[in-house]
Amino acid sequence: MISPMPRQGLGPLSETDAERLAEIMQALASPVRLRILSVLRSRSSTVTELGERLAIGQTTVSNHLRLLRHLSLVTGTRHGRHIHYSLFDAHVSDLLDEAIGHLQHVPRRG
């Protein structure tokens, strides 16, 4: 078993930070939200574009984006009548990259 590399300067989480992080981790536990984030990792998109790309209804996409915005995982920028969504910052992209990279080290179930 490989030991995780310790992160410098990080101590135990406060109760408040642990609750906020748990909210984010719960949001990331949704396959639909992970798919949305994976598209936004490569390019900003509107609700319509995300729905078409992922074959998901616009209402469903909008509901997931609302939660992702609330948790500061995505941001929206208005361009005329449309809002273009993108990842909030590089930390969200890094988090996704780490999680996706972890898949290579986990045996597939089945």
C-alpha atoms as a PDB file:
ATOM      1  CA  MET A   1       0.000   0.000   0.000  1.00  0.00           C
ATOM      2  CA  ILE A   2       1.321   3.450  -0.947  1.00  0.00           C
ATOM      3  CA  SER A   3       1.288   6.126   1.752  1.00  0.00           C
ATOM      4  CA  PRO A   4      -0.112   9.481   0.703  1.00  0.00           C
ATOM      5  CA  MET A   5       2.354  12.342   0.462  1.00  0.00           C
ATOM      6  CA  PRO A   6       1.886  14.722   3.400  1.00  0.00           C
ATOM      7  CA  ARG A   7       0.881  18.262   2.431  1.00  0.00           C
ATOM      8  CA  GLN A   8       2.958  20.990   3.997  1.00  0.00           C
ATOM      9  CA  GLY A   9       1.211  23.453   6.303  1.00  0.00           C
ATOM     10  CA  LEU A  10      -2.136  21.661   6.512  1.00  0.00           C
ATOM     11  CA  GLY A  11      -3.396  20.793   9.965  1.00  0.00           C
ATOM     12  CA  PRO A  12      -6.627  19.178  11.048  1.00  0.00           C
ATOM     13  CA  LEU A  13      -9.762  20.679   9.543  1.00  0.00           C
ATOM     14  CA  SER A  14     -11.958  22.877  11.671  1.00  0.00           C
ATOM     15  CA  GLU A  15     -15.552  21.727  12.057  1.00  0.00           C
ATOM     16  CA  THR A  16     -16.730  24.513   9.725  1.00  0.00           C
ATOM     17  CA  ASP A  17     -14.157  23.687   7.044  1.00  0.00           C
ATOM     18  CA  ALA A  18     -14.951  19.969   7.321  1.00  0.00           C
ATOM     19  CA  GLU A  19     -18.648  20.703   6.780  1.00  0.00           C
ATOM     20  CA  ARG A  20     -17.916  22.919   3.744  1.00  0.00           C
ATOM     21  CA  LEU A  21     -15.569  20.306   2.276  1.00  0.00           C
ATOM     22  CA  ALA A  22     -18.142  17.555   2.840  1.00  0.00           C
ATOM     23  CA  GLU A  23     -20.690  19.636   0.885  1.00  0.00           C
ATOM     24  CA  ILE A  24     -18.254  19.926  -2.011  1.00  0.00           C
ATOM     25  CA  MET A  25     -17.402  16.230  -1.893  1.00  0.00           C
ATOM     26  CA  GLN A  26     -21.120  15.357  -1.895  1.00  0.00           C
ATOM     27  CA  ALA A  27     -21.568  17.539  -4.979  1.00  0.00           C
ATOM     28  CA  LEU A  28     -18.709  15.712  -6.660  1.00  0.00           C
ATOM     29  CA  ALA A  29     -20.348  12.365  -5.859  1.00  0.00           C
ATOM     30  CA  SER A  30     -22.844  12.896  -8.697  1.00  0.00           C
ATOM     31  CA  PRO A  31     -21.870  11.351 -12.049  1.00  0.00           C
ATOM     32  CA  VAL A  32     -23.866  14.044 -13.884  1.00  0.00           C
ATOM     33  CA  ARG A  33     -22.059  16.872 -12.075  1.00  0.00           C
ATOM     34  CA  LEU A  34     -18.693  15.232 -12.711  1.00  0.00           C
ATOM     35  CA  ARG A  35     -19.529  14.989 -16.416  1.00  0.00           C
ATOM     36  CA  ILE A  36     -20.546  18.668 -16.476  1.00  0.00           C
ATOM     37  CA  LEU A  37     -17.305  19.668 -14.772  1.00  0.00           C
ATOM     38  CA  SER A  38     -15.277  17.535 -17.183  1.00  0.00           C
ATOM     39  CA  VAL A  39     -16.766  19.408 -20.157  1.00  0.00           C
ATOM     40  CA  LEU A  40     -16.197  22.781 -18.494  1.00  0.00           C
ATOM     41  CA  ARG A  41     -12.600  21.749 -17.808  1.00  0.00           C
ATOM     42  CA  SER A  42     -11.900  21.986 -21.536  1.00  0.00           C
ATOM     43  CA  ARG A  43     -14.199  24.881 -22.534  1.00  0.00           C
ATOM     44  CA  SER A  44     -16.889  27.211 -21.271  1.00  0.00           C
ATOM     45  CA  SER A  45     -20.398  26.225 -22.319  1.00  0.00           C
ATOM     46  CA  THR A  46     -24.008  27.309 -22.114  1.00  0.00           C
ATOM     47  CA  VAL A  47     -26.756  25.168 -20.582  1.00  0.00           C
ATOM     48  CA  THR A  48     -27.912  24.273 -24.094  1.00  0.00           C
ATOM     49  CA  GLU A  49     -24.418  23.215 -25.180  1.00  0.00           C
ATOM     50  CA  LEU A  50     -23.929  21.127 -22.046  1.00  0.00           C
ATOM     51  CA  GLY A  51     -27.314  19.460 -22.472  1.00  0.00           C
ATOM     52  CA  GLU A  52     -26.586  18.556 -26.087  1.00  0.00           C
ATOM     53  CA  ARG A  53     -23.026  17.395 -25.402  1.00  0.00           C
ATOM     54  CA  LEU A  54     -24.047  15.197 -22.478  1.00  0.00           C
ATOM     55  CA  ALA A  55     -27.507  14.156 -23.757  1.00  0.00           C
ATOM     56  CA  ILE A  56     -29.142  15.568 -20.615  1.00  0.00           C
ATOM     57  CA  GLY A  57     -32.198  17.820 -20.430  1.00  0.00           C
ATOM     58  CA  GLN A  58     -31.623  21.554 -19.957  1.00  0.00           C
ATOM     59  CA  THR A  59     -33.632  21.640 -16.727  1.00  0.00           C
ATOM     60  CA  THR A  60     -31.430  18.911 -15.259  1.00  0.00           C
ATOM     61  CA  VAL A  61     -28.258  20.717 -16.364  1.00  0.00           C
ATOM     62  CA  SER A  62     -29.527  23.995 -14.893  1.00  0.00           C
ATOM     63  CA  ASN A  63     -30.332  22.382 -11.545  1.00  0.00           C
ATOM     64  CA  HIS A  64     -26.864  20.840 -11.313  1.00  0.00           C
ATOM     65  CA  LEU A  65     -25.189  24.107 -12.340  1.00  0.00           C
ATOM     66  CA  ARG A  66     -27.102  25.974  -9.637  1.00  0.00           C
ATOM     67  CA  LEU A  67     -25.579  23.728  -6.975  1.00  0.00           C
ATOM     68  CA  LEU A  68     -22.112  23.899  -8.545  1.00  0.00           C
ATOM     69  CA  ARG A  69     -22.309  27.706  -8.580  1.00  0.00           C
ATOM     70  CA  HIS A  70     -23.491  27.783  -4.968  1.00  0.00           C
ATOM     71  CA  LEU A  71     -20.392  25.777  -3.979  1.00  0.00           C
ATOM     72  CA  SER A  72     -18.075  28.001  -6.083  1.00  0.00           C
ATOM     73  CA  LEU A  73     -17.107  25.133  -8.378  1.00  0.00           C
ATOM     74  CA  VAL A  74     -18.370  26.907 -11.507  1.00  0.00           C
ATOM     75  CA  THR A  75     -19.010  30.501 -12.474  1.00  0.00           C
ATOM     76  CA  GLY A  76     -21.242  32.032 -15.113  1.00  0.00           C
ATOM     77  CA  THR A  77     -20.569  34.997 -17.380  1.00  0.00           C
ATOM     78  CA  ARG A  78     -23.397  36.613 -19.308  1.00  0.00           C
ATOM     79  CA  HIS A  79     -22.884  37.104 -23.057  1.00  0.00           C
ATOM     80  CA  GLY A  80     -26.039  38.712 -24.445  1.00  0.00           C
ATOM     81  CA  ARG A  81     -28.952  36.391 -23.714  1.00  0.00           C
ATOM     82  CA  HIS A  82     -26.756  33.437 -22.749  1.00  0.00           C
ATOM     83  CA  ILE A  83     -24.695  32.563 -19.706  1.00  0.00           C
ATOM     84  CA  HIS A  84     -21.430  30.778 -20.397  1.00  0.00           C
ATOM     85  CA  TYR A  85     -20.334  28.535 -17.552  1.00  0.00           C
ATOM     86  CA  SER A  86     -16.731  27.674 -16.724  1.00  0.00           C
ATOM     87  CA  LEU A  87     -14.793  26.229 -13.815  1.00  0.00           C
ATOM     88  CA  PHE A  88     -14.461  28.680 -10.930  1.00  0.00           C
ATOM     89  CA  ASP A  89     -10.655  28.562 -10.926  1.00  0.00           C
ATOM     90  CA  ALA A  90      -7.591  26.373 -11.452  1.00  0.00           C
ATOM     91  CA  HIS A  91      -8.130  24.654  -8.092  1.00  0.00           C
ATOM     92  CA  VAL A  92     -11.315  23.028  -9.398  1.00  0.00           C
ATOM     93  CA  SER A  93      -9.450  21.813 -12.477  1.00  0.00           C
ATOM     94  CA  ASP A  94      -6.633  20.477 -10.284  1.00  0.00           C
ATOM     95  CA  LEU A  95      -9.149  18.689  -8.064  1.00  0.00           C
ATOM     96  CA  LEU A  96     -10.719  17.016 -11.105  1.00  0.00           C
ATOM     97  CA  ASP A  97      -7.324  16.106 -12.549  1.00  0.00           C
ATOM     98  CA  GLU A  98      -6.294  14.481  -9.254  1.00  0.00           C
ATOM     99  CA  ALA A  99      -9.554  12.525  -8.986  1.00  0.00           C
ATOM    100  CA  ILE A 100      -9.404  11.377 -12.609  1.00  0.00           C
ATOM    101  CA  GLY A 101      -5.732  10.459 -12.210  1.00  0.00           C
ATOM    102  CA  HIS A 102      -6.653   8.393  -9.169  1.00  0.00           C
ATOM    103  CA  LEU A 103      -8.844   6.197 -11.396  1.00  0.00           C
ATOM    104  CA  GLN A 104      -5.655   4.767 -12.930  1.00  0.00           C
ATOM    105  CA  HIS A 105      -4.610   3.460  -9.501  1.00  0.00           C
ATOM    106  CA  VAL A 106      -7.922   1.945  -8.450  1.00  0.00           C
ATOM    107  CA  PRO A 107      -8.890  -1.528  -9.678  1.00  0.00           C
ATOM    108  CA  ARG A 108     -12.106  -1.596 -11.683  1.00  0.00           C
ATOM    109  CA  ARG A 109     -15.082  -3.176  -9.980  1.00  0.00           C
ATOM    110  CA  GLY A 110     -16.879  -5.867 -11.761  1.00  0.00           C
END
